[in-house]
Structures are given as C-alpha cells and as structure tokens.
Amino acid sequence: MKYQEEKKLFFRERIHSLNIFLFLGFNLTLISILGFIWFNSSIEKVV
C-alpha cells in the first residue's frame, strides 16, 4: 500500500514539472515570435 502511494506522488510531481516545462516553452515561443515581428516592423520604419 505504501509503495503505491509513493508511486502516485512521484507521478504527480513528474506531471507538475512537465507542466512547468510546457509553460516555459510556450512563453519563450510567444516572446520570440512577438519579438521577431516587432524587430521586422522597427527595421522597416528605420529603412
């Protein structure tokens, strides 16, 4: 019984860390896309 509880807790921790990685990856993608668009538009204004 104790082994099963530990396994469940470990599984939950793993899902939690996976969620953090997904969240960070999504944020980085969003920031890079927005930054790329902003960078292109600012270059067009200068040139």
PDB file of N, CA and C in Angstrom:
ATOM      1  N   MET A   1       0.831  -1.203   0.000  1.00  0.00           N
ATOM      2  CA  MET A   1       0.000   0.000   0.000  1.00  0.00           C
ATOM      3  C   MET A   1       0.869   1.258   0.000  1.00  0.00           C
ATOM      4  N   LYS A   2       1.910   1.234   0.828  1.00  0.00           N
ATOM      5  CA  LYS A   2       2.785   2.406   0.923  1.00  0.00           C
ATOM      6  C   LYS A   2       3.503   2.660  -0.409  1.00  0.00           C
ATOM      7  N   TYR A   3       3.899   1.583  -1.062  1.00  0.00           N
ATOM      8  CA  TYR A   3       4.602   1.700  -2.346  1.00  0.00           C
ATOM      9  C   TYR A   3       3.715   2.389  -3.387  1.00  0.00           C
ATOM     10  N   GLN A   4       2.441   2.037  -3.379  1.00  0.00           N
ATOM     11  CA  GLN A   4       1.502   2.615  -4.339  1.00  0.00           C
ATOM     12  C   GLN A   4       1.352   4.122  -4.105  1.00  0.00           C
ATOM     13  N   GLU A   5       1.290   4.520  -2.853  1.00  0.00           N
ATOM     14  CA  GLU A   5       1.153   5.943  -2.515  1.00  0.00           C
ATOM     15  C   GLU A   5       2.368   6.727  -3.012  1.00  0.00           C
ATOM     16  N   GLU A   6       3.553   6.191  -2.784  1.00  0.00           N
ATOM     17  CA  GLU A   6       4.784   6.863  -3.218  1.00  0.00           C
ATOM     18  C   GLU A   6       4.817   6.991  -4.734  1.00  0.00           C
ATOM     19  N   LYS A   7       4.384   5.943  -5.418  1.00  0.00           N
ATOM     20  CA  LYS A   7       4.376   5.952  -6.878  1.00  0.00           C
ATOM     21  C   LYS A   7       3.432   7.045  -7.390  1.00  0.00           C
ATOM     22  N   LYS A   8       2.274   7.167  -6.767  1.00  0.00           N
ATOM     23  CA  LYS A   8       1.288   8.169  -7.180  1.00  0.00           C
ATOM     24  C   LYS A   8       1.847   9.571  -6.966  1.00  0.00           C
ATOM     25  N   LEU A   9       2.500   9.784  -5.834  1.00  0.00           N
ATOM     26  CA  LEU A   9       3.081  11.088  -5.515  1.00  0.00           C
ATOM     27  C   LEU A   9       4.176  11.436  -6.524  1.00  0.00           C
ATOM     28  N   PHE A  10       5.013  10.464  -6.841  1.00  0.00           N
ATOM     29  CA  PHE A  10       6.096  10.679  -7.804  1.00  0.00           C
ATOM     30  C   PHE A  10       5.535  11.035  -9.175  1.00  0.00           C
ATOM     31  N   PHE A  11       4.469  10.335  -9.568  1.00  0.00           N
ATOM     32  CA  PHE A  11       3.829  10.577 -10.868  1.00  0.00           C
ATOM     33  C   PHE A  11       3.266  11.990 -10.921  1.00  0.00           C
ATOM     34  N   ARG A  12       2.665  12.430  -9.819  1.00  0.00           N
ATOM     35  CA  ARG A  12       2.098  13.778  -9.764  1.00  0.00           C
ATOM     36  C   ARG A  12       3.208  14.823  -9.872  1.00  0.00           C
ATOM     37  N   GLU A  13       4.328  14.593  -9.203  1.00  0.00           N
ATOM     38  CA  GLU A  13       5.465  15.524  -9.264  1.00  0.00           C
ATOM     39  C   GLU A  13       5.988  15.618 -10.698  1.00  0.00           C
ATOM     40  N   ARG A  14       6.037  14.481 -11.374  1.00  0.00           N
ATOM     41  CA  ARG A  14       6.547  14.460 -12.744  1.00  0.00           C
ATOM     42  C   ARG A  14       5.638  15.262 -13.665  1.00  0.00           C
ATOM     43  N   ILE A  15       4.342  15.114 -13.497  1.00  0.00           N
ATOM     44  CA  ILE A  15       3.383  15.859 -14.315  1.00  0.00           C
ATOM     45  C   ILE A  15       3.541  17.350 -14.037  1.00  0.00           C
ATOM     46  N   HIS A  16       3.757  17.715 -12.779  1.00  0.00           N
ATOM     47  CA  HIS A  16       3.915  19.118 -12.401  1.00  0.00           C
ATOM     48  C   HIS A  16       5.139  19.724 -13.089  1.00  0.00           C
ATOM     49  N   SER A  17       6.254  19.007 -13.086  1.00  0.00           N
ATOM     50  CA  SER A  17       7.466  19.528 -13.729  1.00  0.00           C
ATOM     51  C   SER A  17       7.280  19.607 -15.244  1.00  0.00           C
ATOM     52  N   LEU A  18       6.536  18.663 -15.801  1.00  0.00           N
ATOM     53  CA  LEU A  18       6.257  18.675 -17.237  1.00  0.00           C
ATOM     54  C   LEU A  18       5.426  19.901 -17.595  1.00  0.00           C
ATOM     55  N   ASN A  19       4.452  20.235 -16.737  1.00  0.00           N
ATOM     56  CA  ASN A  19       3.629  21.427 -16.963  1.00  0.00           C
ATOM     57  C   ASN A  19       4.478  22.686 -16.951  1.00  0.00           C
ATOM     58  N   ILE A  20       5.450  22.763 -16.037  1.00  0.00           N
ATOM     59  CA  ILE A  20       6.330  23.933 -15.959  1.00  0.00           C
ATOM     60  C   ILE A  20       7.145  24.051 -17.247  1.00  0.00           C
ATOM     61  N   PHE A  21       7.674  22.919 -17.737  1.00  0.00           N
ATOM     62  CA  PHE A  21       8.460  22.945 -18.974  1.00  0.00           C
ATOM     63  C   PHE A  21       7.608  23.383 -20.158  1.00  0.00           C
ATOM     64  N   LEU A  22       6.358  22.884 -20.230  1.00  0.00           N
ATOM     65  CA  LEU A  22       5.457  23.279 -21.316  1.00  0.00           C
ATOM     66  C   LEU A  22       5.162  24.766 -21.246  1.00  0.00           C
ATOM     67  N   PHE A  23       4.915  25.261 -20.029  1.00  0.00           N
ATOM     68  CA  PHE A  23       4.603  26.678 -19.829  1.00  0.00           C
ATOM     69  C   PHE A  23       5.776  27.556 -20.254  1.00  0.00           C
ATOM     70  N   LEU A  24       6.988  27.182 -19.838  1.00  0.00           N
ATOM     71  CA  LEU A  24       8.177  27.956 -20.203  1.00  0.00           C
ATOM     72  C   LEU A  24       8.417  27.915 -21.710  1.00  0.00           C
ATOM     73  N   GLY A  25       8.261  26.753 -22.296  1.00  0.00           N
ATOM     74  CA  GLY A  25       8.454  26.612 -23.738  1.00  0.00           C
ATOM     75  C   GLY A  25       7.461  27.452 -24.518  1.00  0.00           C
ATOM     76  N   PHE A  26       6.212  27.453 -24.071  1.00  0.00           N
ATOM     77  CA  PHE A  26       5.172  28.244 -24.735  1.00  0.00           C
ATOM     78  C   PHE A  26       5.480  29.730 -24.622  1.00  0.00           C
ATOM     79  N   ASN A  27       5.908  30.160 -23.432  1.00  0.00           N
ATOM     80  CA  ASN A  27       6.248  31.573 -23.225  1.00  0.00           C
ATOM     81  C   ASN A  27       7.417  31.997 -24.106  1.00  0.00           C
ATOM     82  N   LEU A  28       8.448  31.178 -24.175  1.00  0.00           N
ATOM     83  CA  LEU A  28       9.615  31.507 -24.998  1.00  0.00           C
ATOM     84  C   LEU A  28       9.236  31.600 -26.468  1.00  0.00           C
ATOM     85  N   THR A  29       8.388  30.693 -26.928  1.00  0.00           N
ATOM     86  CA  THR A  29       7.945  30.720 -28.328  1.00  0.00           C
ATOM     87  C   THR A  29       7.165  31.992 -28.609  1.00  0.00           C
ATOM     88  N   LEU A  30       6.249  32.328 -27.708  1.00  0.00           N
ATOM     89  CA  LEU A  30       5.422  33.523 -27.874  1.00  0.00           C
ATOM     90  C   LEU A  30       6.287  34.777 -27.894  1.00  0.00           C
ATOM     91  N   ILE A  31       7.234  34.870 -26.966  1.00  0.00           N
ATOM     92  CA  ILE A  31       8.108  36.045 -26.881  1.00  0.00           C
ATOM     93  C   ILE A  31       8.976  36.160 -28.136  1.00  0.00           C
ATOM     94  N   SER A  32       9.513  35.040 -28.612  1.00  0.00           N
ATOM     95  CA  SER A  32      10.374  35.098 -29.799  1.00  0.00           C
ATOM     96  C   SER A  32       9.590  35.495 -31.041  1.00  0.00           C
ATOM     97  N   ILE A  33       8.365  34.989 -31.176  1.00  0.00           N
ATOM     98  CA  ILE A  33       7.534  35.355 -32.336  1.00  0.00           C
ATOM     99  C   ILE A  33       7.181  36.838 -32.279  1.00  0.00           C
ATOM    100  N   LEU A  34       6.737  37.311 -31.116  1.00  0.00           N
ATOM    101  CA  LEU A  34       6.386  38.730 -30.967  1.00  0.00           C
ATOM    102  C   LEU A  34       7.610  39.615 -31.182  1.00  0.00           C
ATOM    103  N   GLY A  35       8.745  39.207 -30.636  1.00  0.00           N
ATOM    104  CA  GLY A  35       9.972  39.971 -30.800  1.00  0.00           C
ATOM    105  C   GLY A  35      10.407  40.037 -32.252  1.00  0.00           C
ATOM    106  N   PHE A  36      10.256  38.951 -32.973  1.00  0.00           N
ATOM    107  CA  PHE A  36      10.619  38.899 -34.389  1.00  0.00           C
ATOM    108  C   PHE A  36       9.745  39.853 -35.204  1.00  0.00           C
ATOM    109  N   ILE A  37       8.444  39.842 -34.940  1.00  0.00           N
ATOM    110  CA  ILE A  37       7.513  40.741 -35.651  1.00  0.00           C
ATOM    111  C   ILE A  37       7.853  42.198 -35.329  1.00  0.00           C
ATOM    112  N   TRP A  38       8.089  42.491 -34.049  1.00  0.00           N
ATOM    113  CA  TRP A  38       8.401  43.861 -33.623  1.00  0.00           C
ATOM    114  C   TRP A  38       9.721  44.325 -34.239  1.00  0.00           C
ATOM    115  N   PHE A  39      10.702  43.410 -34.283  1.00  0.00           N
ATOM    116  CA  PHE A  39      12.011  43.716 -34.855  1.00  0.00           C
ATOM    117  C   PHE A  39      11.886  44.048 -36.339  1.00  0.00           C
ATOM    118  N   ASN A  40      11.120  43.258 -37.076  1.00  0.00           N
ATOM    119  CA  ASN A  40      10.903  43.499 -38.511  1.00  0.00           C
ATOM    120  C   ASN A  40      10.209  44.827 -38.752  1.00  0.00           C
ATOM    121  N   SER A  41       9.187  45.129 -37.984  1.00  0.00           N
ATOM    122  CA  SER A  41       8.447  46.381 -38.188  1.00  0.00           C
ATOM    123  C   SER A  41       9.316  47.587 -37.844  1.00  0.00           C
ATOM    124  N   SER A  42      10.165  47.472 -36.829  1.00  0.00           N
ATOM    125  CA  SER A  42      11.022  48.605 -36.467  1.00  0.00           C
ATOM    126  C   SER A  42      12.098  48.831 -37.530  1.00  0.00           C
ATOM    127  N   ILE A  43      12.604  47.769 -38.141  1.00  0.00           N
ATOM    128  CA  ILE A  43      13.601  47.899 -39.213  1.00  0.00           C
ATOM    129  C   ILE A  43      12.966  48.573 -40.428  1.00  0.00           C
ATOM    130  N   GLU A  44      11.738  48.207 -40.750  1.00  0.00           N
ATOM    131  CA  GLU A  44      11.039  48.818 -41.887  1.00  0.00           C
ATOM    132  C   GLU A  44      10.840  50.315 -41.667  1.00  0.00           C
ATOM    133  N   LYS A  45      10.589  50.716 -40.427  1.00  0.00           N
ATOM    134  CA  LYS A  45      10.397  52.143 -40.135  1.00  0.00           C
ATOM    135  C   LYS A  45      11.707  52.907 -40.298  1.00  0.00           C
ATOM    136  N   VAL A  46      12.816  52.292 -39.881  1.00  0.00           N
ATOM    137  CA  VAL A  46      14.122  52.948 -39.983  1.00  0.00           C
ATOM    138  C   VAL A  46      14.540  53.057 -41.451  1.00  0.00           C
ATOM    139  N   VAL A  47      14.354  51.980 -42.214  1.00  0.00           N
ATOM    140  CA  VAL A  47      14.740  51.945 -43.634  1.00  0.00           C
ATOM    141  C   VAL A  47      13.601  52.441 -44.502  1.00  0.00           C
TER     142      VAL A  47
END
